[in-house]
Amino acid sequence: MEAGSFNPADTEYIVAQQAAHRAVDGVLQRRLAGDGGEARVCAPSVSSDEIAARFSTYELPASGCSPEAYLATLERRGVHDEMVLQSPNMLGHMSGAIPPWTAPLGRLVHAMHANVVKTETAKVATAVERETVALMHRAFFENDKQFYARHAHDPRVCLGHATSGGTTANLEALWLARNLALPGAESRGLSAALREGGWAEAVLMTSAVAHYSVTTKACGILGLGTENVLSVPTDAFLRVDLVELRATLEQLCLV
């Protein structure tokens, strides 16, 4: 199909989409039927260098190929050697196997092709997101029904935001926290905001087991500085040690 002719209502488009779905399903079925199935977490005796050598083409081809042909090539080059994050034996990933309905629902999301940046490109999806956020907000903050009837769909109010993952969520949370603590940081920059507040520098205090998306990525992006992260020890239950927290706060007040 020519890219300019993509029309989901056309028979050619539908046939091509169905063929691609069948090809993907075939790859997944063959992968599940491999040695050990989803019980294994990785392919034995296959190094990263060996896999990298299979993917060492650095020149764009003169012409494209069908999705089926591409999938066949990808499968031949080593899809079966990928890490099996769906395995119940995989302990190296932050989340276990995804629910069986996630991928099918993902197909719907991709097919709808909505963009919730504005209602002109996502009237329904925007309402779904706002309803979902309100549900989560109430689970944590327990405001009454009138509060959500008033604020959930008000375009001037943001009760939260659905992100693509934890890293983005942590970044957005710290972004808001920085702007609340230093109101001028967003428009005039961190240095100017600190001067206006009479501060020499900003620090982030967090648990010693905080994810690196907080201590490294977010602090670097937001200009706080990774060296200005103060890690507070935790107890045997991974809770912040309150004695250590108080001591750290008192030390900050003396500086």
Protein backbone atom coordinates (compact mmCIF):
# COMPACT_ATOMS: atom_id res chain seq x y z
CA MET A 1 0.00 0.00 0.00
CA GLU A 2 1.08 3.54 -0.71
CA ALA A 3 1.36 5.65 2.45
CA GLY A 4 -0.80 8.40 0.98
CA SER A 5 -3.66 5.96 0.41
CA PHE A 6 -4.12 4.88 4.04
CA ASN A 7 -7.88 4.86 4.58
CA PRO A 8 -9.19 2.52 7.32
CA ALA A 9 -12.50 2.18 5.46
CA ASP A 10 -10.90 0.81 2.30
CA THR A 11 -10.95 -2.92 1.66
CA GLU A 12 -7.26 -2.90 0.79
CA TYR A 13 -6.45 -1.30 4.16
CA ILE A 14 -8.57 -3.82 6.07
CA VAL A 15 -7.03 -6.80 4.24
CA ALA A 16 -3.51 -5.50 4.88
CA GLN A 17 -4.28 -4.95 8.56
CA GLN A 18 -5.73 -8.45 8.97
CA ALA A 19 -2.70 -9.97 7.27
CA ALA A 20 -0.38 -8.08 9.62
CA HIS A 21 -2.36 -9.28 12.66
CA ARG A 22 -2.09 -12.89 11.47
CA ALA A 23 1.64 -12.51 10.95
CA VAL A 24 2.15 -11.12 14.46
CA ASP A 25 -0.03 -13.85 15.96
CA GLY A 26 2.07 -16.45 14.16
CA VAL A 27 5.31 -15.02 15.57
CA LEU A 28 3.88 -15.02 19.10
CA GLN A 29 2.56 -18.57 18.83
CA ARG A 30 5.88 -19.90 17.59
CA ARG A 31 7.71 -18.05 20.35
CA LEU A 32 5.43 -19.50 23.02
CA ALA A 33 5.93 -22.96 21.54
CA GLY A 34 9.72 -22.67 21.75
CA ASP A 35 11.98 -24.50 24.16
CA GLY A 36 10.67 -23.96 27.67
CA GLY A 37 7.86 -21.70 26.52
CA GLU A 38 7.24 -18.78 28.84
CA ALA A 39 8.82 -20.64 31.77
CA ARG A 40 12.31 -19.59 30.64
CA VAL A 41 13.50 -16.01 31.06
CA CYS A 42 16.16 -15.89 28.36
CA ALA A 43 17.69 -17.89 25.56
CA PRO A 44 20.56 -20.04 26.85
CA SER A 45 24.12 -19.52 25.57
CA VAL A 46 23.32 -16.50 23.39
CA SER A 47 25.41 -13.41 24.18
CA SER A 48 24.50 -9.78 23.60
CA ASP A 49 27.44 -9.51 21.19
CA GLU A 50 26.06 -12.37 19.10
CA ILE A 51 22.67 -10.70 18.91
CA ALA A 52 24.21 -7.31 18.08
CA ALA A 53 26.07 -8.91 15.18
CA ARG A 54 22.74 -9.95 13.65
CA PHE A 55 21.54 -6.33 13.70
CA SER A 56 24.46 -4.62 12.02
CA THR A 57 22.88 -3.23 8.86
CA TYR A 58 23.57 0.51 8.72
CA GLU A 59 22.28 1.48 5.31
CA LEU A 60 18.63 2.08 4.48
CA PRO A 61 17.29 -0.28 1.79
CA ALA A 62 16.38 1.14 -1.59
CA SER A 63 12.77 0.01 -1.15
CA GLY A 64 10.49 -1.18 1.62
CA CYS A 65 8.85 -4.52 2.19
CA SER A 66 5.54 -5.86 3.44
CA PRO A 67 4.91 -6.16 7.20
CA GLU A 68 4.79 -9.94 6.77
CA ALA A 69 8.21 -9.98 5.13
CA TYR A 70 9.64 -7.69 7.79
CA LEU A 71 8.26 -9.87 10.60
CA ALA A 72 9.69 -12.97 8.96
CA THR A 73 13.11 -11.31 8.80
CA LEU A 74 12.85 -10.11 12.40
CA GLU A 75 11.87 -13.57 13.56
CA ARG A 76 14.71 -15.16 11.65
CA ARG A 77 17.21 -12.71 13.14
CA GLY A 78 16.30 -13.65 16.67
CA VAL A 79 12.92 -12.77 18.17
CA HIS A 80 13.12 -16.15 19.89
CA ASP A 81 16.25 -14.96 21.73
CA GLU A 82 14.54 -11.97 23.35
CA MET A 83 14.17 -11.80 27.14
CA VAL A 84 10.85 -13.30 28.28
CA LEU A 85 9.46 -10.62 30.56
CA GLN A 86 6.11 -12.43 30.60
CA SER A 87 7.69 -15.41 32.34
CA PRO A 88 6.52 -16.09 35.92
CA ASN A 89 10.21 -16.78 36.66
CA MET A 90 11.41 -13.32 35.53
CA LEU A 91 12.52 -11.25 38.54
CA GLY A 92 14.48 -8.61 36.64
CA HIS A 93 11.50 -6.51 35.61
CA MET A 94 9.40 -4.15 37.72
CA SER A 95 6.09 -5.66 36.56
CA GLY A 96 5.07 -9.23 35.90
CA ALA A 97 3.04 -10.67 33.06
CA ILE A 98 0.52 -8.25 31.61
CA PRO A 99 -3.18 -9.21 31.74
CA PRO A 100 -4.43 -11.13 28.68
CA TRP A 101 -6.69 -8.29 27.57
CA THR A 102 -3.96 -5.61 27.49
CA ALA A 103 -2.68 -6.33 23.99
CA PRO A 104 -6.16 -6.52 22.39
CA LEU A 105 -7.15 -3.24 24.06
CA GLY A 106 -3.86 -1.80 22.83
CA ARG A 107 -4.92 -2.64 19.28
CA LEU A 108 -8.07 -0.59 19.79
CA VAL A 109 -6.10 2.36 21.16
CA HIS A 110 -3.70 2.27 18.21
CA ALA A 111 -6.52 1.92 15.69
CA MET A 112 -8.41 4.90 17.19
CA HIS A 113 -5.21 6.97 16.80
CA ALA A 114 -6.48 9.61 19.25
CA ASN A 115 -4.34 12.41 20.69
CA VAL A 116 -5.54 13.68 24.07
CA VAL A 117 -3.54 16.89 23.80
CA LYS A 118 -6.81 18.57 22.72
CA THR A 119 -10.46 17.64 22.29
CA GLU A 120 -10.27 18.38 18.54
CA THR A 121 -8.30 15.15 18.21
CA ALA A 122 -9.83 13.14 21.06
CA LYS A 123 -13.29 14.11 22.29
CA VAL A 124 -14.14 10.68 23.73
CA ALA A 125 -10.61 9.67 24.74
CA THR A 126 -10.23 12.94 26.68
CA ALA A 127 -13.44 12.18 28.60
CA VAL A 128 -12.25 8.62 29.27
CA GLU A 129 -8.92 9.89 30.61
CA ARG A 130 -10.57 12.50 32.84
CA GLU A 131 -13.01 9.93 34.22
CA THR A 132 -10.17 7.47 34.89
CA VAL A 133 -8.09 10.13 36.63
CA ALA A 134 -11.09 11.15 38.76
CA LEU A 135 -11.60 7.51 39.80
CA MET A 136 -7.98 7.25 40.90
CA HIS A 137 -8.07 10.68 42.55
CA ARG A 138 -11.08 9.73 44.65
CA ALA A 139 -9.47 6.42 45.66
CA PHE A 140 -6.60 8.41 47.21
CA PHE A 141 -8.19 11.69 48.34
CA GLU A 142 -11.79 10.58 49.02
CA ASN A 143 -13.52 13.83 48.07
CA ASP A 144 -17.30 13.76 47.76
CA LYS A 145 -19.26 13.20 44.54
CA GLN A 146 -20.01 16.90 44.19
CA PHE A 147 -16.29 17.66 44.01
CA TYR A 148 -15.82 15.35 41.03
CA ALA A 149 -19.04 16.46 39.35
CA ARG A 150 -17.64 19.99 39.52
CA HIS A 151 -14.00 19.36 38.61
CA ALA A 152 -13.58 16.09 36.70
CA HIS A 153 -14.40 17.50 33.25
CA ASP A 154 -13.60 21.17 33.88
CA PRO A 155 -10.89 22.09 31.30
CA ARG A 156 -9.48 24.61 33.80
CA VAL A 157 -8.83 21.85 36.35
CA CYS A 158 -6.32 19.00 36.22
CA LEU A 159 -6.79 16.26 38.81
CA GLY A 160 -3.99 14.24 37.29
CA HIS A 161 -2.59 12.90 34.07
CA ALA A 162 -2.31 9.43 32.55
CA THR A 163 1.27 8.81 31.45
CA SER A 164 3.03 6.11 29.48
CA GLY A 165 4.93 4.83 32.52
CA GLY A 166 6.51 5.45 35.91
CA THR A 167 9.47 7.49 34.66
CA THR A 168 7.24 10.10 33.04
CA ALA A 169 4.92 10.10 36.07
CA ASN A 170 7.84 10.73 38.44
CA LEU A 171 9.18 13.48 36.19
CA GLU A 172 5.81 15.24 36.04
CA ALA A 173 5.30 14.95 39.81
CA LEU A 174 8.68 16.52 40.55
CA TRP A 175 8.14 19.14 37.87
CA LEU A 176 4.96 20.25 39.67
CA ALA A 177 6.66 20.07 43.07
CA ARG A 178 9.54 22.24 41.85
CA ASN A 179 7.14 24.83 40.44
CA LEU A 180 5.12 24.93 43.66
CA ALA A 181 8.25 25.41 45.77
CA LEU A 182 9.87 27.83 43.32
CA PRO A 183 7.08 29.57 41.33
CA GLY A 184 9.47 31.46 39.05
CA ALA A 185 11.42 28.39 37.94
CA GLU A 186 9.16 27.60 34.99
CA SER A 187 9.32 31.05 33.40
CA ARG A 188 12.61 32.56 34.60
CA GLY A 189 14.69 29.49 35.29
CA LEU A 190 15.87 27.73 38.41
CA SER A 191 18.71 30.13 39.25
CA ALA A 192 16.46 33.20 39.14
CA ALA A 193 13.76 31.47 41.18
CA LEU A 194 16.29 30.52 43.87
CA ARG A 195 17.64 34.09 44.06
CA GLU A 196 14.14 35.52 44.34
CA GLY A 197 13.37 33.14 47.19
CA GLY A 198 16.60 33.89 48.98
CA TRP A 199 17.92 30.34 48.55
CA ALA A 200 21.40 29.21 47.60
CA GLU A 201 20.31 25.90 46.10
CA ALA A 202 17.49 23.37 45.93
CA VAL A 203 17.62 19.81 47.18
CA LEU A 204 15.45 16.73 46.81
CA MET A 205 14.97 14.51 49.84
CA THR A 206 13.88 10.98 49.10
CA SER A 207 14.04 7.40 50.28
CA ALA A 208 17.29 5.53 49.82
CA VAL A 209 15.43 3.04 47.64
CA ALA A 210 13.97 5.68 45.30
CA HIS A 211 13.99 4.74 41.62
CA TYR A 212 16.73 6.20 39.44
CA SER A 213 14.10 7.91 37.32
CA VAL A 214 13.78 10.25 40.32
CA THR A 215 17.34 10.50 41.60
CA THR A 216 19.09 10.66 38.23
CA LYS A 217 16.76 11.40 35.32
CA ALA A 218 14.25 13.83 36.82
CA CYS A 219 16.76 15.76 38.93
CA GLY A 220 19.01 16.23 35.93
CA ILE A 221 16.21 17.29 33.57
CA LEU A 222 14.65 19.72 36.08
CA GLY A 223 17.97 21.38 36.90
CA LEU A 224 17.99 20.31 40.54
CA GLY A 225 21.23 18.38 40.09
CA THR A 226 21.85 14.74 40.85
CA GLU A 227 24.35 15.71 43.57
CA ASN A 228 21.57 17.54 45.42
CA VAL A 229 19.62 14.36 46.12
CA LEU A 230 19.54 13.53 49.83
CA SER A 231 18.80 9.86 50.43
CA VAL A 232 17.20 8.95 53.75
CA PRO A 233 17.75 5.37 55.00
CA THR A 234 14.84 2.97 55.32
CA ASP A 235 13.85 0.42 57.94
CA ALA A 236 13.39 -3.34 57.55
CA PHE A 237 10.00 -2.73 55.90
CA LEU A 238 11.48 -0.24 53.36
CA ARG A 239 9.77 2.67 55.11
CA VAL A 240 11.66 5.95 55.53
CA ASP A 241 13.46 5.98 58.89
CA LEU A 242 11.75 8.89 60.67
CA VAL A 243 14.68 9.44 63.06
CA GLU A 244 17.06 9.77 60.11
CA LEU A 245 14.55 11.98 58.30
CA ARG A 246 14.35 14.39 61.25
CA ALA A 247 18.13 14.46 61.57
CA THR A 248 18.53 15.26 57.86
CA LEU A 249 15.95 18.04 58.06
CA GLU A 250 17.63 19.54 61.12
CA GLN A 251 20.99 19.40 59.36
CA LEU A 252 19.53 21.25 56.38
CA CYS A 253 18.19 24.00 58.64
CA LEU A 254 21.68 24.53 60.07
CA VAL A 255 23.39 24.90 56.70
